[in-house]
Amino acid sequence: MDINVQMETSPLDKEKTMENIDKIYELLNGIKITKKNEQYVNEIKDLLTTGNYFDALAKMKKLKEEEE
């Protein structure tokens, strides 16, 4: 599932979107990298750099569930 979000937005919407993207990166940076999850975290980073935020969030959710 490859979802890339691109929409016409106002400057306020763009600012809010950037804040949300920053929060996603903060969450990702809060994940302790281990040998077991390193590849998975790198996949998430790749998704973020290509703008696939929904897929990245879904993988982050799955990773969190696996850690519990």
C-alpha atoms as a PDB file:
ATOM      1  CA  MET A   1       0.000   0.000   0.000  1.00  0.00           C
ATOM      2  CA  ASP A   2       1.755   3.114  -1.226  1.00  0.00           C
ATOM      3  CA  ILE A   3      -0.053   6.327  -0.316  1.00  0.00           C
ATOM      4  CA  ASN A   4       1.605   9.618  -1.134  1.00  0.00           C
ATOM      5  CA  VAL A   5      -0.346  12.657   0.056  1.00  0.00           C
ATOM      6  CA  GLN A   6      -0.282  15.717  -2.159  1.00  0.00           C
ATOM      7  CA  MET A   7      -3.077  18.268  -1.916  1.00  0.00           C
ATOM      8  CA  GLU A   8      -3.625  21.950  -2.422  1.00  0.00           C
ATOM      9  CA  THR A   9      -3.298  23.519   1.020  1.00  0.00           C
ATOM     10  CA  SER A  10      -3.305  26.929   2.582  1.00  0.00           C
ATOM     11  CA  PRO A  11      -0.191  28.244   4.360  1.00  0.00           C
ATOM     12  CA  LEU A  12      -1.789  27.364   7.715  1.00  0.00           C
ATOM     13  CA  ASP A  13      -2.519  23.830   6.516  1.00  0.00           C
ATOM     14  CA  LYS A  14       1.055  23.494   5.296  1.00  0.00           C
ATOM     15  CA  GLU A  15       2.360  24.649   8.665  1.00  0.00           C
ATOM     16  CA  LYS A  16       0.167  22.126  10.499  1.00  0.00           C
ATOM     17  CA  THR A  17       1.269  19.388   8.106  1.00  0.00           C
ATOM     18  CA  MET A  18       4.919  20.203   8.760  1.00  0.00           C
ATOM     19  CA  GLU A  19       4.274  20.112  12.509  1.00  0.00           C
ATOM     20  CA  ASN A  20       2.703  16.675  12.133  1.00  0.00           C
ATOM     21  CA  ILE A  21       5.630  15.433  10.055  1.00  0.00           C
ATOM     22  CA  ASP A  22       8.010  16.728  12.733  1.00  0.00           C
ATOM     23  CA  LYS A  23       6.029  14.783  15.336  1.00  0.00           C
ATOM     24  CA  ILE A  24       6.348  11.609  13.254  1.00  0.00           C
ATOM     25  CA  TYR A  25      10.120  12.058  13.154  1.00  0.00           C
ATOM     26  CA  GLU A  26      10.170  12.688  16.928  1.00  0.00           C
ATOM     27  CA  LEU A  27       8.286   9.423  17.477  1.00  0.00           C
ATOM     28  CA  LEU A  28      10.654   7.565  15.190  1.00  0.00           C
ATOM     29  CA  ASN A  29      13.707   9.031  16.897  1.00  0.00           C
ATOM     30  CA  GLY A  30      12.282   7.852  20.236  1.00  0.00           C
ATOM     31  CA  ILE A  31      12.417   4.218  19.129  1.00  0.00           C
ATOM     32  CA  LYS A  32      15.398   2.364  20.536  1.00  0.00           C
ATOM     33  CA  ILE A  33      17.263   0.799  17.615  1.00  0.00           C
ATOM     34  CA  THR A  34      18.237  -2.814  18.099  1.00  0.00           C
ATOM     35  CA  LYS A  35      19.687  -5.434  15.783  1.00  0.00           C
ATOM     36  CA  LYS A  36      16.198  -6.930  15.645  1.00  0.00           C
ATOM     37  CA  ASN A  37      14.410  -3.743  14.485  1.00  0.00           C
ATOM     38  CA  GLU A  38      17.172  -1.812  12.704  1.00  0.00           C
ATOM     39  CA  GLN A  39      16.141  -2.846   9.179  1.00  0.00           C
ATOM     40  CA  TYR A  40      12.489  -2.112   9.938  1.00  0.00           C
ATOM     41  CA  VAL A  41      13.334   1.372  11.278  1.00  0.00           C
ATOM     42  CA  ASN A  42      15.397   2.051   8.156  1.00  0.00           C
ATOM     43  CA  GLU A  43      12.391   1.066   6.018  1.00  0.00           C
ATOM     44  CA  ILE A  44      10.276   3.554   7.959  1.00  0.00           C
ATOM     45  CA  LYS A  45      12.860   6.285   7.391  1.00  0.00           C
ATOM     46  CA  ASP A  46      12.861   5.508   3.669  1.00  0.00           C
ATOM     47  CA  LEU A  47       9.076   5.813   3.573  1.00  0.00           C
ATOM     48  CA  LEU A  48       9.248   9.177   5.315  1.00  0.00           C
ATOM     49  CA  THR A  49      11.860  10.536   2.942  1.00  0.00           C
ATOM     50  CA  THR A  50       9.662   9.609  -0.020  1.00  0.00           C
ATOM     51  CA  GLY A  51       6.555  11.188   1.542  1.00  0.00           C
ATOM     52  CA  ASN A  52       4.740   7.944   2.335  1.00  0.00           C
ATOM     53  CA  TYR A  53       3.597   9.133   5.760  1.00  0.00           C
ATOM     54  CA  PHE A  54       0.614   6.807   6.148  1.00  0.00           C
ATOM     55  CA  ASP A  55       2.686   3.738   5.332  1.00  0.00           C
ATOM     56  CA  ALA A  56       5.413   4.913   7.706  1.00  0.00           C
ATOM     57  CA  LEU A  57       2.897   5.401  10.507  1.00  0.00           C
ATOM     58  CA  ALA A  58       1.401   1.966   9.867  1.00  0.00           C
ATOM     59  CA  LYS A  59       4.867   0.372  10.126  1.00  0.00           C
ATOM     60  CA  MET A  60       5.602   2.350  13.287  1.00  0.00           C
ATOM     61  CA  LYS A  61       2.360   1.106  14.810  1.00  0.00           C
ATOM     62  CA  LYS A  62       3.224  -2.478  13.891  1.00  0.00           C
ATOM     63  CA  LEU A  63       6.713  -2.102  15.337  1.00  0.00           C
ATOM     64  CA  LYS A  64       5.272  -0.757  18.605  1.00  0.00           C
ATOM     65  CA  GLU A  65       2.848  -3.690  18.800  1.00  0.00           C
ATOM     66  CA  GLU A  66       5.682  -6.165  18.227  1.00  0.00           C
ATOM     67  CA  GLU A  67       7.746  -4.587  21.002  1.00  0.00           C
ATOM     68  CA  GLU A  68       4.937  -4.975  23.548  1.00  0.00           C
END
